[in-house]
PDB file of N, CA and C in Angstrom:
ATOM      1  N   MET A   1     118.511 113.964 112.678  1.00  0.00           N
ATOM      2  CA  MET A   1     118.238 115.040 111.767  1.00  0.00           C
ATOM      3  C   MET A   1     119.191 116.203 112.013  1.00  0.00           C
ATOM      4  N   GLY A   2     119.419 116.538 113.264  1.00  0.00           N
ATOM      5  CA  GLY A   2     120.320 117.630 113.588  1.00  0.00           C
ATOM      6  C   GLY A   2     121.719 117.400 113.063  1.00  0.00           C
ATOM      7  N   GLU A   3     122.167 116.160 113.156  1.00  0.00           N
ATOM      8  CA  GLU A   3     123.505 115.812 112.667  1.00  0.00           C
ATOM      9  C   GLU A   3     123.582 115.995 111.147  1.00  0.00           C
ATOM     10  N   LEU A   4     122.535 115.623 110.443  1.00  0.00           N
ATOM     11  CA  LEU A   4     122.512 115.809 108.988  1.00  0.00           C
ATOM     12  C   LEU A   4     122.576 117.288 108.625  1.00  0.00           C
ATOM     13  N   ILE A   5     121.821 118.110 109.355  1.00  0.00           N
ATOM     14  CA  ILE A   5     121.836 119.555 109.100  1.00  0.00           C
ATOM     15  C   ILE A   5     123.218 120.120 109.402  1.00  0.00           C
ATOM     16  N   GLU A   6     123.824 119.676 110.500  1.00  0.00           N
ATOM     17  CA  GLU A   6     125.167 120.160 110.847  1.00  0.00           C
ATOM     18  C   GLU A   6     126.191 119.782 109.785  1.00  0.00           C
ATOM     19  N   LYS A   7     126.098 118.581 109.246  1.00  0.00           N
ATOM     20  CA  LYS A   7     127.041 118.123 108.223  1.00  0.00           C
ATOM     21  C   LYS A   7     126.768 118.743 106.855  1.00  0.00           C
ATOM     22  N   ASN A   8     125.526 119.147 106.624  1.00  0.00           N
ATOM     23  CA  ASN A   8     125.112 119.662 105.313  1.00  0.00           C
ATOM     24  C   ASN A   8     124.313 120.962 105.460  1.00  0.00           C
ATOM     25  N   PRO A   9     124.871 121.984 106.121  1.00  0.00           N
ATOM     26  CA  PRO A   9     124.079 123.183 106.394  1.00  0.00           C
ATOM     27  C   PRO A   9     123.688 123.962 105.141  1.00  0.00           C
ATOM     28  N   ASP A  10     124.419 123.759 104.073  1.00  0.00           N
ATOM     29  CA  ASP A  10     124.194 124.517 102.844  1.00  0.00           C
ATOM     30  C   ASP A  10     123.547 123.666 101.754  1.00  0.00           C
ATOM     31  N   ALA A  11     122.884 122.584 102.142  1.00  0.00           N
ATOM     32  CA  ALA A  11     122.408 121.635 101.136  1.00  0.00           C
ATOM     33  C   ALA A  11     120.951 121.252 101.372  1.00  0.00           C
ATOM     34  N   TYR A  12     120.359 120.752 100.294  1.00  0.00           N
ATOM     35  CA  TYR A  12     119.049 120.119 100.379  1.00  0.00           C
ATOM     36  C   TYR A  12     119.280 118.616 100.311  1.00  0.00           C
ATOM     37  N   MET A  13     118.589 117.895 101.173  1.00  0.00           N
ATOM     38  CA  MET A  13     118.771 116.455 101.260  1.00  0.00           C
ATOM     39  C   MET A  13     117.467 115.744 100.950  1.00  0.00           C
ATOM     40  N   ASP A  14     117.578 114.483 100.589  1.00  0.00           N
ATOM     41  CA  ASP A  14     116.399 113.696 100.278  1.00  0.00           C
ATOM     42  C   ASP A  14     115.583 113.457 101.539  1.00  0.00           C
ATOM     43  N   GLU A  15     114.283 113.609 101.428  1.00  0.00           N
ATOM     44  CA  GLU A  15     113.425 113.444 102.609  1.00  0.00           C
ATOM     45  C   GLU A  15     113.481 112.023 103.171  1.00  0.00           C
ATOM     46  N   SER A  16     113.937 111.070 102.373  1.00  0.00           N
ATOM     47  CA  SER A  16     114.079 109.703 102.877  1.00  0.00           C
ATOM     48  C   SER A  16     115.195 109.607 103.923  1.00  0.00           C
ATOM     49  N   TRP A  17     116.025 110.629 104.021  1.00  0.00           N
ATOM     50  CA  TRP A  17     117.087 110.644 105.031  1.00  0.00           C
ATOM     51  C   TRP A  17     116.540 110.928 106.424  1.00  0.00           C
ATOM     52  N   LEU A  18     115.341 111.445 106.500  1.00  0.00           N
ATOM     53  CA  LEU A  18     114.735 111.696 107.811  1.00  0.00           C
ATOM     54  C   LEU A  18     114.449 110.357 108.489  1.00  0.00           C
ATOM     55  N   PRO A  19     114.539 110.328 109.811  1.00  0.00           N
ATOM     56  CA  PRO A  19     114.270 109.066 110.503  1.00  0.00           C
ATOM     57  C   PRO A  19     112.809 108.632 110.412  1.00  0.00           C
ATOM     58  N   LEU A  20     111.903 109.610 110.220  1.00  0.00           N
ATOM     59  CA  LEU A  20     110.471 109.357 110.095  1.00  0.00           C
ATOM     60  C   LEU A  20     109.915 110.329 109.057  1.00  0.00           C
ATOM     61  N   ASP A  21     108.691 110.097 108.598  1.00  0.00           N
ATOM     62  CA  ASP A  21     108.101 111.016 107.629  1.00  0.00           C
ATOM     63  C   ASP A  21     107.881 112.388 108.277  1.00  0.00           C
ATOM     64  N   LYS A  22     107.727 113.412 107.457  1.00  0.00           N
ATOM     65  CA  LYS A  22     107.634 114.788 107.959  1.00  0.00           C
ATOM     66  C   LYS A  22     106.462 114.992 108.916  1.00  0.00           C
ATOM     67  N   ALA A  23     105.317 114.397 108.629  1.00  0.00           N
ATOM     68  CA  ALA A  23     104.152 114.563 109.511  1.00  0.00           C
ATOM     69  C   ALA A  23     104.448 114.013 110.904  1.00  0.00           C
ATOM     70  N   THR A  24     105.085 112.862 110.962  1.00  0.00           N
ATOM     71  CA  THR A  24     105.440 112.273 112.261  1.00  0.00           C
ATOM     72  C   THR A  24     106.500 113.113 112.949  1.00  0.00           C
ATOM     73  N   MET A  25     107.446 113.630 112.186  1.00  0.00           N
ATOM     74  CA  MET A  25     108.485 114.490 112.766  1.00  0.00           C
ATOM     75  C   MET A  25     107.857 115.729 113.396  1.00  0.00           C
ATOM     76  N   LYS A  26     106.861 116.315 112.729  1.00  0.00           N
ATOM     77  CA  LYS A  26     106.191 117.495 113.289  1.00  0.00           C
ATOM     78  C   LYS A  26     105.483 117.137 114.597  1.00  0.00           C
ATOM     79  N   THR A  27     104.859 115.976 114.637  1.00  0.00           N
ATOM     80  CA  THR A  27     104.190 115.531 115.869  1.00  0.00           C
ATOM     81  C   THR A  27     105.203 115.387 116.998  1.00  0.00           C
ATOM     82  N   ILE A  28     106.370 114.856 116.682  1.00  0.00           N
ATOM     83  CA  ILE A  28     107.425 114.700 117.686  1.00  0.00           C
ATOM     84  C   ILE A  28     107.925 116.068 118.148  1.00  0.00           C
ATOM     85  N   PHE A  29     108.116 116.990 117.208  1.00  0.00           N
ATOM     86  CA  PHE A  29     108.545 118.340 117.599  1.00  0.00           C
ATOM     87  C   PHE A  29     107.512 118.980 118.520  1.00  0.00           C
ATOM     88  N   LYS A  30     106.239 118.828 118.213  1.00  0.00           N
ATOM     89  CA  LYS A  30     105.188 119.395 119.064  1.00  0.00           C
ATOM     90  C   LYS A  30     105.266 118.823 120.472  1.00  0.00           C
ATOM     91  N   ALA A  31     105.372 117.502 120.571  1.00  0.00           N
ATOM     92  CA  ALA A  31     105.442 116.858 121.893  1.00  0.00           C
ATOM     93  C   ALA A  31     106.688 117.305 122.652  1.00  0.00           C
ATOM     94  N   ALA A  32     107.798 117.411 121.949  1.00  0.00           N
ATOM     95  CA  ALA A  32     109.047 117.835 122.606  1.00  0.00           C
ATOM     96  C   ALA A  32     108.956 119.277 123.081  1.00  0.00           C
ATOM     97  N   ILE A  33     108.334 120.137 122.281  1.00  0.00           N
ATOM     98  CA  ILE A  33     108.170 121.541 122.683  1.00  0.00           C
ATOM     99  C   ILE A  33     107.293 121.634 123.919  1.00  0.00           C
ATOM    100  N   ILE A  34     106.215 120.854 123.956  1.00  0.00           N
ATOM    101  CA  ILE A  34     105.326 120.860 125.130  1.00  0.00           C
ATOM    102  C   ILE A  34     106.090 120.437 126.386  1.00  0.00           C
ATOM    103  N   ALA A  35     106.953 119.429 126.247  1.00  0.00           N
ATOM    104  CA  ALA A  35     107.683 118.894 127.400  1.00  0.00           C
ATOM    105  C   ALA A  35     108.884 119.751 127.807  1.00  0.00           C
ATOM    106  N   GLU A  36     109.408 120.558 126.875  1.00  0.00           N
ATOM    107  CA  GLU A  36     110.651 121.297 127.117  1.00  0.00           C
ATOM    108  C   GLU A  36     110.419 122.512 128.020  1.00  0.00           C
ATOM    109  N   LYS A  37     111.298 122.681 128.992  1.00  0.00           N
ATOM    110  CA  LYS A  37     111.224 123.830 129.907  1.00  0.00           C
ATOM    111  C   LYS A  37     112.308 124.868 129.620  1.00  0.00           C
ATOM    112  N   ASP A  38     113.403 124.430 129.008  1.00  0.00           N
ATOM    113  CA  ASP A  38     114.528 125.325 128.720  1.00  0.00           C
ATOM    114  C   ASP A  38     114.231 126.124 127.446  1.00  0.00           C
ATOM    115  N   PRO A  39     114.159 127.456 127.538  1.00  0.00           N
ATOM    116  CA  PRO A  39     113.849 128.274 126.360  1.00  0.00           C
ATOM    117  C   PRO A  39     114.829 128.085 125.197  1.00  0.00           C
ATOM    118  N   LYS A  40     116.108 127.880 125.499  1.00  0.00           N
ATOM    119  CA  LYS A  40     117.087 127.691 124.425  1.00  0.00           C
ATOM    120  C   LYS A  40     116.829 126.383 123.681  1.00  0.00           C
ATOM    121  N   GLN A  41     116.523 125.334 124.423  1.00  0.00           N
ATOM    122  CA  GLN A  41     116.219 124.051 123.790  1.00  0.00           C
ATOM    123  C   GLN A  41     114.922 124.135 122.987  1.00  0.00           C
ATOM    124  N   MET A  42     113.974 124.906 123.510  1.00  0.00           N
ATOM    125  CA  MET A  42     112.710 125.074 122.794  1.00  0.00           C
ATOM    126  C   MET A  42     112.957 125.769 121.447  1.00  0.00           C
ATOM    127  N   GLU A  43     113.844 126.758 121.427  1.00  0.00           N
ATOM    128  CA  GLU A  43     114.176 127.434 120.170  1.00  0.00           C
ATOM    129  C   GLU A  43     114.823 126.469 119.177  1.00  0.00           C
ATOM    130  N   LEU A  44     115.673 125.591 119.683  1.00  0.00           N
ATOM    131  CA  LEU A  44     116.290 124.585 118.812  1.00  0.00           C
ATOM    132  C   LEU A  44     115.237 123.651 118.220  1.00  0.00           C
ATOM    133  N   LEU A  45     114.271 123.276 119.026  1.00  0.00           N
ATOM    134  CA  LEU A  45     113.197 122.406 118.534  1.00  0.00           C
ATOM    135  C   LEU A  45     112.368 123.109 117.459  1.00  0.00           C
ATOM    136  N   LYS A  46     112.064 124.375 117.685  1.00  0.00           N
ATOM    137  CA  LYS A  46     111.302 125.127 116.687  1.00  0.00           C
ATOM    138  C   LYS A  46     112.111 125.275 115.395  1.00  0.00           C
ATOM    139  N   SER A  47     113.398 125.501 115.523  1.00  0.00           N
ATOM    140  CA  SER A  47     114.265 125.594 114.338  1.00  0.00           C
ATOM    141  C   SER A  47     114.307 124.265 113.598  1.00  0.00           C
ATOM    142  N   GLY A  48     114.382 123.182 114.342  1.00  0.00           N
ATOM    143  CA  GLY A  48     114.380 121.858 113.720  1.00  0.00           C
ATOM    144  C   GLY A  48     113.116 121.614 112.923  1.00  0.00           C
ATOM    145  N   TRP A  49     112.001 122.039 113.471  1.00  0.00           N
ATOM    146  CA  TRP A  49     110.712 121.900 112.789  1.00  0.00           C
ATOM    147  C   TRP A  49     110.775 122.612 111.434  1.00  0.00           C
ATOM    148  N   VAL A  50     111.264 123.852 111.429  1.00  0.00           N
ATOM    149  CA  VAL A  50     111.352 124.623 110.185  1.00  0.00           C
ATOM    150  C   VAL A  50     112.384 124.015 109.231  1.00  0.00           C
ATOM    151  N   CYS A  51     113.439 123.432 109.786  1.00  0.00           N
ATOM    152  CA  CYS A  51     114.490 122.829 108.944  1.00  0.00           C
ATOM    153  C   CYS A  51     114.022 121.575 108.206  1.00  0.00           C
ATOM    154  N   LEU A  52     112.837 121.098 108.522  1.00  0.00           N
ATOM    155  CA  LEU A  52     112.294 119.983 107.735  1.00  0.00           C
ATOM    156  C   LEU A  52     112.223 120.354 106.253  1.00  0.00           C
ATOM    157  N   ALA A  53     112.166 121.649 105.963  1.00  0.00           N
ATOM    158  CA  ALA A  53     112.118 122.108 104.572  1.00  0.00           C
ATOM    159  C   ALA A  53     113.412 121.799 103.813  1.00  0.00           C
ATOM    160  N   ASN A  54     114.496 121.552 104.523  1.00  0.00           N
ATOM    161  CA  ASN A  54     115.766 121.204 103.871  1.00  0.00           C
ATOM    162  C   ASN A  54     115.731 119.799 103.295  1.00  0.00           C
ATOM    163  N   PHE A  55     114.706 119.048 103.623  1.00  0.00           N
ATOM    164  CA  PHE A  55     114.551 117.671 103.153  1.00  0.00           C
ATOM    165  C   PHE A  55     113.420 117.642 102.131  1.00  0.00           C
ATOM    166  N   GLN A  56     113.778 117.319 100.901  1.00  0.00           N
ATOM    167  CA  GLN A  56     112.822 117.357  99.802  1.00  0.00           C
ATOM    168  C   GLN A  56     112.817 116.014  99.071  1.00  0.00           C
ATOM    169  N   PRO A  57     111.709 115.698  98.393  1.00  0.00           N
ATOM    170  CA  PRO A  57     111.652 114.437  97.646  1.00  0.00           C
ATOM    171  C   PRO A  57     112.545 114.466  96.410  1.00  0.00           C
ATOM    172  N   ASN A  58     112.965 113.305  96.001  1.00  0.00           N
ATOM    173  CA  ASN A  58     113.686 113.103  94.740  1.00  0.00           C
ATOM    174  C   ASN A  58     115.038 113.820  94.641  1.00  0.00           C
ATOM    175  N   ILE A  59     115.690 114.043  95.770  1.00  0.00           N
ATOM    176  CA  ILE A  59     117.038 114.625  95.752  1.00  0.00           C
ATOM    177  C   ILE A  59     118.038 113.530  95.390  1.00  0.00           C
ATOM    178  N   GLY A  60     117.839 112.369  95.963  1.00  0.00           N
ATOM    179  CA  GLY A  60     118.750 111.262  95.713  1.00  0.00           C
ATOM    180  C   GLY A  60     119.786 111.126  96.817  1.00  0.00           C
ATOM    181  N   GLU A  61     120.807 110.338  96.535  1.00  0.00           N
ATOM    182  CA  GLU A  61     121.811 109.992  97.552  1.00  0.00           C
ATOM    183  C   GLU A  61     122.820 111.101  97.824  1.00  0.00           C
ATOM    184  N   VAL A  62     122.909 112.072  96.924  1.00  0.00           N
ATOM    185  CA  VAL A  62     123.888 113.150  97.085  1.00  0.00           C
ATOM    186  C   VAL A  62     123.134 114.448  97.360  1.00  0.00           C
ATOM    187  N   PRO A  63     123.432 115.130  98.466  1.00  0.00           N
ATOM    188  CA  PRO A  63     122.771 116.407  98.742  1.00  0.00           C
ATOM    189  C   PRO A  63     123.002 117.402  97.605  1.00  0.00           C
ATOM    190  N   VAL A  64     122.039 118.266  97.398  1.00  0.00           N
ATOM    191  CA  VAL A  64     122.147 119.298  96.368  1.00  0.00           C
ATOM    192  C   VAL A  64     122.643 120.574  97.035  1.00  0.00           C
ATOM    193  N   ARG A  65     123.815 121.032  96.579  1.00  0.00           N
ATOM    194  CA  ARG A  65     124.445 122.240  97.107  1.00  0.00           C
ATOM    195  C   ARG A  65     124.543 123.287  96.007  1.00  0.00           C
ATOM    196  N   PHE A  66     124.800 124.515  96.432  1.00  0.00           N
ATOM    197  CA  PHE A  66     125.052 125.576  95.461  1.00  0.00           C
ATOM    198  C   PHE A  66     126.318 125.208  94.705  1.00  0.00           C
ATOM    199  N   PRO A  67     126.217 125.056  93.393  1.00  0.00           N
ATOM    200  CA  PRO A  67     127.375 124.558  92.641  1.00  0.00           C
ATOM    201  C   PRO A  67     128.385 125.658  92.301  1.00  0.00           C
ATOM    202  N   ALA A  68     129.624 125.263  92.215  1.00  0.00           N
ATOM    203  CA  ALA A  68     130.663 126.144  91.690  1.00  0.00           C
ATOM    204  C   ALA A  68     130.610 126.038  90.171  1.00  0.00           C
ATOM    205  N   ILE A  69     130.570 127.159  89.512  1.00  0.00           N
ATOM    206  CA  ILE A  69     130.487 127.150  88.050  1.00  0.00           C
ATOM    207  C   ILE A  69     131.846 127.588  87.512  1.00  0.00           C
ATOM    208  N   ALA A  70     132.680 126.611  87.235  1.00  0.00           N
ATOM    209  CA  ALA A  70     134.034 126.888  86.755  1.00  0.00           C
ATOM    210  C   ALA A  70     134.137 126.744  85.242  1.00  0.00           C
ATOM    211  N   GLU A  71     133.171 126.057  84.645  1.00  0.00           N
ATOM    212  CA  GLU A  71     133.265 125.772  83.210  1.00  0.00           C
ATOM    213  C   GLU A  71     132.690 126.884  82.347  1.00  0.00           C
ATOM    214  N   GLY A  72     132.243 127.954  82.937  1.00  0.00           N
ATOM    215  CA  GLY A  72     131.597 129.013  82.169  1.00  0.00           C
ATOM    216  C   GLY A  72     130.093 128.857  82.219  1.00  0.00           C
ATOM    217  N   PHE A  73     129.415 129.731  81.565  1.00  0.00           N
ATOM    218  CA  PHE A  73     127.963 129.759  81.648  1.00  0.00           C
ATOM    219  C   PHE A  73     127.314 129.017  80.487  1.00  0.00           C
ATOM    220  N   THR A  74     127.671 127.765  80.351  1.00  0.00           N
ATOM    221  CA  THR A  74     127.055 126.907  79.347  1.00  0.00           C
ATOM    222  C   THR A  74     125.809 126.270  79.952  1.00  0.00           C
ATOM    223  N   PRO A  75     124.885 125.817  79.127  1.00  0.00           N
ATOM    224  CA  PRO A  75     123.702 125.144  79.671  1.00  0.00           C
ATOM    225  C   PRO A  75     124.061 123.953  80.571  1.00  0.00           C
ATOM    226  N   GLU A  76     125.108 123.223  80.190  1.00  0.00           N
ATOM    227  CA  GLU A  76     125.527 122.068  80.998  1.00  0.00           C
ATOM    228  C   GLU A  76     126.052 122.506  82.356  1.00  0.00           C
ATOM    229  N   ALA A  77     126.810 123.600  82.365  1.00  0.00           N
ATOM    230  CA  ALA A  77     127.374 124.096  83.620  1.00  0.00           C
ATOM    231  C   ALA A  77     126.296 124.694  84.509  1.00  0.00           C
ATOM    232  N   LEU A  78     125.260 125.264  83.906  1.00  0.00           N
ATOM    233  CA  LEU A  78     124.195 125.907  84.674  1.00  0.00           C
ATOM    234  C   LEU A  78     123.138 124.934  85.168  1.00  0.00           C
ATOM    235  N   ALA A  79     123.092 123.731  84.648  1.00  0.00           N
ATOM    236  CA  ALA A  79     122.060 122.758  85.048  1.00  0.00           C
ATOM    237  C   ALA A  79     122.038 122.513  86.556  1.00  0.00           C
ATOM    238  N   PRO A  80     123.199 122.295  87.211  1.00  0.00           N
ATOM    239  CA  PRO A  80     123.157 122.106  88.667  1.00  0.00           C
ATOM    240  C   PRO A  80     122.651 123.350  89.408  1.00  0.00           C
ATOM    241  N   LEU A  81     123.009 124.525  88.905  1.00  0.00           N
ATOM    242  CA  LEU A  81     122.529 125.761  89.519  1.00  0.00           C
ATOM    243  C   LEU A  81     121.017 125.874  89.373  1.00  0.00           C
ATOM    244  N   ASN A  82     120.517 125.552  88.193  1.00  0.00           N
ATOM    245  CA  ASN A  82     119.072 125.603  87.970  1.00  0.00           C
ATOM    246  C   ASN A  82     118.338 124.644  88.905  1.00  0.00           C
ATOM    247  N   ARG A  83     118.898 123.463  89.100  1.00  0.00           N
ATOM    248  CA  ARG A  83     118.274 122.493  90.004  1.00  0.00           C
ATOM    249  C   ARG A  83     118.292 123.026  91.437  1.00  0.00           C
ATOM    250  N   PHE A  84     119.421 123.595  91.849  1.00  0.00           N
ATOM    251  CA  PHE A  84     119.531 124.156  93.199  1.00  0.00           C
ATOM    252  C   PHE A  84     118.483 125.258  93.399  1.00  0.00           C
ATOM    253  N   VAL A  85     118.346 126.133  92.423  1.00  0.00           N
ATOM    254  CA  VAL A  85     117.382 127.242  92.521  1.00  0.00           C
ATOM    255  C   VAL A  85     115.952 126.703  92.559  1.00  0.00           C
ATOM    256  N   GLU A  86     115.662 125.727  91.727  1.00  0.00           N
ATOM    257  CA  GLU A  86     114.326 125.136  91.696  1.00  0.00           C
ATOM    258  C   GLU A  86     113.968 124.511  93.050  1.00  0.00           C
ATOM    259  N   ILE A  87     114.870 123.732  93.594  1.00  0.00           N
ATOM    260  CA  ILE A  87     114.642 123.112  94.901  1.00  0.00           C
ATOM    261  C   ILE A  87     114.564 124.190  95.974  1.00  0.00           C
ATOM    262  N   GLY A  88     115.408 125.207  95.855  1.00  0.00           N
ATOM    263  CA  GLY A  88     115.410 126.299  96.825  1.00  0.00           C
ATOM    264  C   GLY A  88     114.078 127.014  96.907  1.00  0.00           C
ATOM    265  N   LYS A  89     113.431 127.221  95.770  1.00  0.00           N
ATOM    266  CA  LYS A  89     112.119 127.876  95.767  1.00  0.00           C
ATOM    267  C   LYS A  89     111.092 127.023  96.501  1.00  0.00           C
ATOM    268  N   ILE A  90     111.110 125.733  96.223  1.00  0.00           N
ATOM    269  CA  ILE A  90     110.185 124.816  96.886  1.00  0.00           C
ATOM    270  C   ILE A  90     110.449 124.795  98.391  1.00  0.00           C
ATOM    271  N   ALA A  91     111.730 124.703  98.763  1.00  0.00           N
ATOM    272  CA  ALA A  91     112.101 124.653 100.179  1.00  0.00           C
ATOM    273  C   ALA A  91     111.761 125.966 100.885  1.00  0.00           C
ATOM    274  N   ALA A  92     111.952 127.091 100.207  1.00  0.00           N
ATOM    275  CA  ALA A  92     111.633 128.384 100.817  1.00  0.00           C
ATOM    276  C   ALA A  92     110.136 128.499 101.095  1.00  0.00           C
ATOM    277  N   ASP A  93     109.318 128.064 100.137  1.00  0.00           N
ATOM    278  CA  ASP A  93     107.864 128.083 100.347  1.00  0.00           C
ATOM    279  C   ASP A  93     107.479 127.184 101.523  1.00  0.00           C
ATOM    280  N   GLU A  94     108.071 125.994 101.561  1.00  0.00           N
ATOM    281  CA  GLU A  94     107.763 125.069 102.655  1.00  0.00           C
ATOM    282  C   GLU A  94     108.248 125.631 103.987  1.00  0.00           C
ATOM    283  N   SER A  95     109.419 126.237 103.981  1.00  0.00           N
ATOM    284  CA  SER A  95     109.972 126.817 105.199  1.00  0.00           C
ATOM    285  C   SER A  95     109.037 127.891 105.761  1.00  0.00           C
ATOM    286  N   GLN A  96     108.497 128.727 104.892  1.00  0.00           N
ATOM    287  CA  GLN A  96     107.557 129.760 105.336  1.00  0.00           C
ATOM    288  C   GLN A  96     106.287 129.133 105.904  1.00  0.00           C
ATOM    289  N   ARG A  97     105.818 128.088 105.251  1.00  0.00           N
ATOM    290  CA  ARG A  97     104.626 127.390 105.751  1.00  0.00           C
ATOM    291  C   ARG A  97     104.889 126.757 107.111  1.00  0.00           C
ATOM    292  N   LEU A  98     106.060 126.114 107.243  1.00  0.00           N
ATOM    293  CA  LEU A  98     106.415 125.485 108.517  1.00  0.00           C
ATOM    294  C   LEU A  98     106.582 126.525 109.618  1.00  0.00           C
ATOM    295  N   LEU A  99     107.173 127.663 109.288  1.00  0.00           N
ATOM    296  CA  LEU A  99     107.319 128.735 110.272  1.00  0.00           C
ATOM    297  C   LEU A  99     105.953 129.211 110.745  1.00  0.00           C
ATOM    298  N   GLY A 100     105.008 129.312 109.815  1.00  0.00           N
ATOM    299  CA  GLY A 100     103.635 129.669 110.190  1.00  0.00           C
ATOM    300  C   GLY A 100     103.020 128.621 111.106  1.00  0.00           C
ATOM    301  N   GLU A 101     103.277 127.351 110.838  1.00  0.00           N
ATOM    302  CA  GLU A 101     102.770 126.282 111.696  1.00  0.00           C
ATOM    303  C   GLU A 101     103.362 126.395 113.102  1.00  0.00           C
ATOM    304  N   VAL A 102     104.660 126.659 113.168  1.00  0.00           N
ATOM    305  CA  VAL A 102     105.318 126.794 114.474  1.00  0.00           C
ATOM    306  C   VAL A 102     104.696 127.966 115.244  1.00  0.00           C
ATOM    307  N   ARG A 103     104.546 129.094 114.582  1.00  0.00           N
ATOM    308  CA  ARG A 103     103.963 130.274 115.249  1.00  0.00           C
ATOM    309  C   ARG A 103     102.546 129.993 115.732  1.00  0.00           C
ATOM    310  N   GLN A 104     101.757 129.353 114.873  1.00  0.00           N
ATOM    311  CA  GLN A 104     100.387 129.027 115.251  1.00  0.00           C
ATOM    312  C   GLN A 104     100.372 128.063 116.442  1.00  0.00           C
ATOM    313  N   PHE A 105     101.247 127.082 116.406  1.00  0.00           N
ATOM    314  CA  PHE A 105     101.319 126.128 117.516  1.00  0.00           C
ATOM    315  C   PHE A 105     101.723 126.839 118.807  1.00  0.00           C
ATOM    316  N   MET A 106     102.714 127.707 118.734  1.00  0.00           N
ATOM    317  CA  MET A 106     103.179 128.410 119.935  1.00  0.00           C
ATOM    318  C   MET A 106     102.096 129.347 120.471  1.00  0.00           C
ATOM    319  N   GLU A 107     101.366 129.989 119.574  1.00  0.00           N
ATOM    320  CA  GLU A 107     100.263 130.849 120.018  1.00  0.00           C
ATOM    321  C   GLU A 107      99.182 130.029 120.702  1.00  0.00           C
ATOM    322  N   SER A 108      98.896 128.850 120.175  1.00  0.00           N
ATOM    323  CA  SER A 108      97.885 127.992 120.806  1.00  0.00           C
ATOM    324  C   SER A 108      98.354 127.524 122.180  1.00  0.00           C
ATOM    325  N   ARG A 109      99.660 127.338 122.328  1.00  0.00           N
ATOM    326  CA  ARG A 109     100.214 126.936 123.627  1.00  0.00           C
ATOM    327  C   ARG A 109     100.144 128.081 124.625  1.00  0.00           C
ATOM    328  N   SER A 110     100.368 129.317 124.171  1.00  0.00           N
ATOM    329  CA  SER A 110     100.335 130.446 125.092  1.00  0.00           C
ATOM    330  C   SER A 110      98.914 130.715 125.561  1.00  0.00           C
ATOM    331  N   ASP A 111      97.921 130.348 124.749  1.00  0.00           N
ATOM    332  CA  ASP A 111      96.523 130.482 125.150  1.00  0.00           C
ATOM    333  C   ASP A 111      96.185 129.550 126.311  1.00  0.00           C
ATOM    334  N   LYS A 112      96.947 128.449 126.451  1.00  0.00           N
ATOM    335  CA  LYS A 112      96.675 127.459 127.496  1.00  0.00           C
ATOM    336  C   LYS A 112      97.404 127.781 128.802  1.00  0.00           C
ATOM    337  N   SER A 113      98.286 128.789 128.745  1.00  0.00           N
ATOM    338  CA  SER A 113      99.056 129.124 129.959  1.00  0.00           C
ATOM    339  C   SER A 113      98.259 129.992 130.901  1.00  0.00           C
TER     340      SER A 113
END
């Protein structure tokens, strides 16, 4: 997953590109965070959890990126931009939800310390 994000930092990718479904990925992130002692690595794991929002259904084989609009502002030229914005709204909402999950999980872990 990290390699996909590194190769496509500005894109939304199909959730089928994940090695496992999102629920299983979250379980793995939780287990890895519990086991991790290095604070920097723990931050990377938490970021990875939130980056699950970059993976959305029905994207297809080509990542969706912010398009260059060279043909002018015709409906045809704006269609890719509209799709990017639509997916972006969904991903932003999911990202906020995932960030809340991470915070809640970390707070529950600090209660056990």
